[in-house]
C-alpha atoms as a PDB file:
ATOM      1  CA  MET A   1       0.434   0.120  -0.212  1.00  0.00           C
ATOM      2  CA  ASN A   2       1.216   3.817  -0.904  1.00  0.00           C
ATOM      3  CA  LYS A   3       2.682   5.316   2.350  1.00  0.00           C
ATOM      4  CA  ASN A   4       0.851   8.418   1.677  1.00  0.00           C
ATOM      5  CA  LYS A   5      -2.598   6.566   1.414  1.00  0.00           C
ATOM      6  CA  THR A   6      -1.505   4.447   4.890  1.00  0.00           C
ATOM      7  CA  TYR A   7      -0.843   8.057   6.609  1.00  0.00           C
ATOM      8  CA  PHE A   8      -4.278   9.092   5.206  1.00  0.00           C
ATOM      9  CA  GLN A   9      -5.879   6.185   6.581  1.00  0.00           C
ATOM     10  CA  LEU A  10      -4.179   6.283  10.023  1.00  0.00           C
ATOM     11  CA  ILE A  11      -5.156  10.090  10.437  1.00  0.00           C
ATOM     12  CA  TRP A  12      -8.722   9.380   9.260  1.00  0.00           C
ATOM     13  CA  GLY A  13      -8.523   6.368  12.005  1.00  0.00           C
ATOM     14  CA  ILE A  14      -7.948   8.803  14.558  1.00  0.00           C
ATOM     15  CA  VAL A  15     -10.636  11.111  13.292  1.00  0.00           C
ATOM     16  CA  LEU A  16     -13.327   8.372  13.688  1.00  0.00           C
ATOM     17  CA  LEU A  17     -11.842   7.587  17.126  1.00  0.00           C
ATOM     18  CA  LEU A  18     -12.530  11.378  17.911  1.00  0.00           C
ATOM     19  CA  ALA A  19     -15.688  11.329  16.808  1.00  0.00           C
ATOM     20  CA  GLY A  20     -16.698   8.452  18.595  1.00  0.00           C
ATOM     21  CA  LEU A  21     -15.316   9.893  21.891  1.00  0.00           C
ATOM     22  CA  GLY A  22     -17.423  13.137  21.083  1.00  0.00           C
ATOM     23  CA  VAL A  23     -20.114  11.153  20.442  1.00  0.00           C
ATOM     24  CA  PHE A  24     -20.297  10.057  24.197  1.00  0.00           C
ATOM     25  CA  TYR A  25     -19.227  13.308  25.614  1.00  0.00           C
ATOM     26  CA  ARG A  26     -22.230  14.965  23.825  1.00  0.00           C
ATOM     27  CA  ILE A  27     -24.987  12.367  24.755  1.00  0.00           C
ATOM     28  CA  PRO A  28     -25.769  13.647  28.413  1.00  0.00           C
ATOM     29  CA  GLN A  29     -25.608  17.183  26.764  1.00  0.00           C
ATOM     30  CA  VAL A  30     -28.280  16.638  24.120  1.00  0.00           C
ATOM     31  CA  MET A  31     -30.395  13.848  25.467  1.00  0.00           C
ATOM     32  CA  PRO A  32     -32.715  16.291  28.021  1.00  0.00           C
ATOM     33  CA  LYS A  33     -33.366  18.553  24.786  1.00  0.00           C
ATOM     34  CA  ILE A  34     -34.518  15.122  22.937  1.00  0.00           C
ATOM     35  CA  LYS A  35     -36.452  14.238  25.760  1.00  0.00           C
ATOM     36  CA  SER A  36     -38.382  17.773  25.832  1.00  0.00           C
ATOM     37  CA  ILE A  37     -39.755  16.931  22.120  1.00  0.00           C
ATOM     38  CA  GLU A  38     -43.253  15.210  22.690  1.00  0.00           C
ATOM     39  CA  TYR A  39     -42.511  13.014  19.831  1.00  0.00           C
ATOM     40  CA  PHE A  40     -39.491  11.590  20.739  1.00  0.00           C
ATOM     41  CA  SER A  41     -40.130  11.117  24.638  1.00  0.00           C
ATOM     42  CA  SER A  42     -41.750   7.861  23.962  1.00  0.00           C
ATOM     43  CA  ALA A  43     -38.673   6.316  22.251  1.00  0.00           C
ATOM     44  CA  ILE A  44     -36.038   7.533  24.448  1.00  0.00           C
ATOM     45  CA  GLY A  45     -34.717   4.125  25.709  1.00  0.00           C
ATOM     46  CA  PHE A  46     -34.211   3.561  21.636  1.00  0.00           C
ATOM     47  CA  ILE A  47     -32.686   6.619  21.148  1.00  0.00           C
ATOM     48  CA  TYR A  48     -30.245   6.257  23.872  1.00  0.00           C
ATOM     49  CA  PHE A  49     -29.154   2.718  22.525  1.00  0.00           C
ATOM     50  CA  CYS A  50     -28.748   4.381  18.879  1.00  0.00           C
ATOM     51  CA  PHE A  51     -26.022   6.950  20.266  1.00  0.00           C
ATOM     52  CA  TYR A  52     -24.384   4.795  22.191  1.00  0.00           C
ATOM     53  CA  LEU A  53     -23.967   2.160  19.534  1.00  0.00           C
ATOM     54  CA  LEU A  54     -23.085   5.080  17.321  1.00  0.00           C
ATOM     55  CA  GLY A  55     -20.212   6.142  19.461  1.00  0.00           C
ATOM     56  CA  PHE A  56     -18.960   2.472  20.017  1.00  0.00           C
ATOM     57  CA  LEU A  57     -19.141   1.680  16.426  1.00  0.00           C
ATOM     58  CA  LEU A  58     -16.894   4.707  15.647  1.00  0.00           C
ATOM     59  CA  ILE A  59     -14.683   4.234  18.432  1.00  0.00           C
ATOM     60  CA  LEU A  60     -14.138   0.524  17.216  1.00  0.00           C
ATOM     61  CA  GLY A  61     -13.790   1.451  13.325  1.00  0.00           C
ATOM     62  CA  GLY A  62     -11.288   4.123  14.326  1.00  0.00           C
ATOM     63  CA  ALA A  63      -9.398   2.021  16.751  1.00  0.00           C
ATOM     64  CA  GLN A  64      -9.156  -0.757  14.169  1.00  0.00           C
ATOM     65  CA  LYS A  65      -7.821   1.698  11.294  1.00  0.00           C
ATOM     66  CA  ILE A  66      -5.187   2.868  13.696  1.00  0.00           C
ATOM     67  CA  TYR A  67      -3.990  -0.676  14.354  1.00  0.00           C
ATOM     68  CA  PHE A  68      -4.120  -2.122  11.096  1.00  0.00           C
ATOM     69  CA  HIS A  69      -2.618   0.989   9.365  1.00  0.00           C
ATOM     70  CA  SER A  70       0.062   1.389  12.037  1.00  0.00           C
ATOM     71  CA  LYS A  71       1.060  -1.978  11.651  1.00  0.00           C
ATOM     72  CA  THR A  72       1.290  -1.629   7.803  1.00  0.00           C
ATOM     73  CA  LEU A  73       3.602   1.319   8.297  1.00  0.00           C
ATOM     74  CA  LYS A  74       5.783  -0.338  10.638  1.00  0.00           C
ATOM     75  CA  ARG A  75       6.149  -3.287   8.374  1.00  0.00           C
ATOM     76  CA  GLN A  76       6.844  -0.531   5.612  1.00  0.00           C
ATOM     77  CA  ASP A  77       9.757   0.720   7.511  1.00  0.00           C
ATOM     78  CA  SER A  78      10.938  -2.468   8.562  1.00  0.00           C
ATOM     79  CA  ASN A  79      11.072  -3.513   4.661  1.00  0.00           C
ATOM     80  CA  ASN A  80      13.146  -0.038   3.907  1.00  0.00           C
ATOM     81  CA  ALA A  81      15.605  -0.562   6.378  1.00  0.00           C
END
């Protein structure tokens, strides 16, 4: 894999990880506003589940990209040495 592409994928993984952490940080701040909307108040448990699932998947995907592409960079560096 091209080294520039690997760096881009590594940065993209970091962005995904940070976005997932941001979702977890924002859930307690946003949920009271969502609870106040009458239409969503009956499905608040499902909304919590969806937000936490979204955050978890973002963190998992970002961590997976970081792990895979950092191994790829180390392998490329050892092959070039």
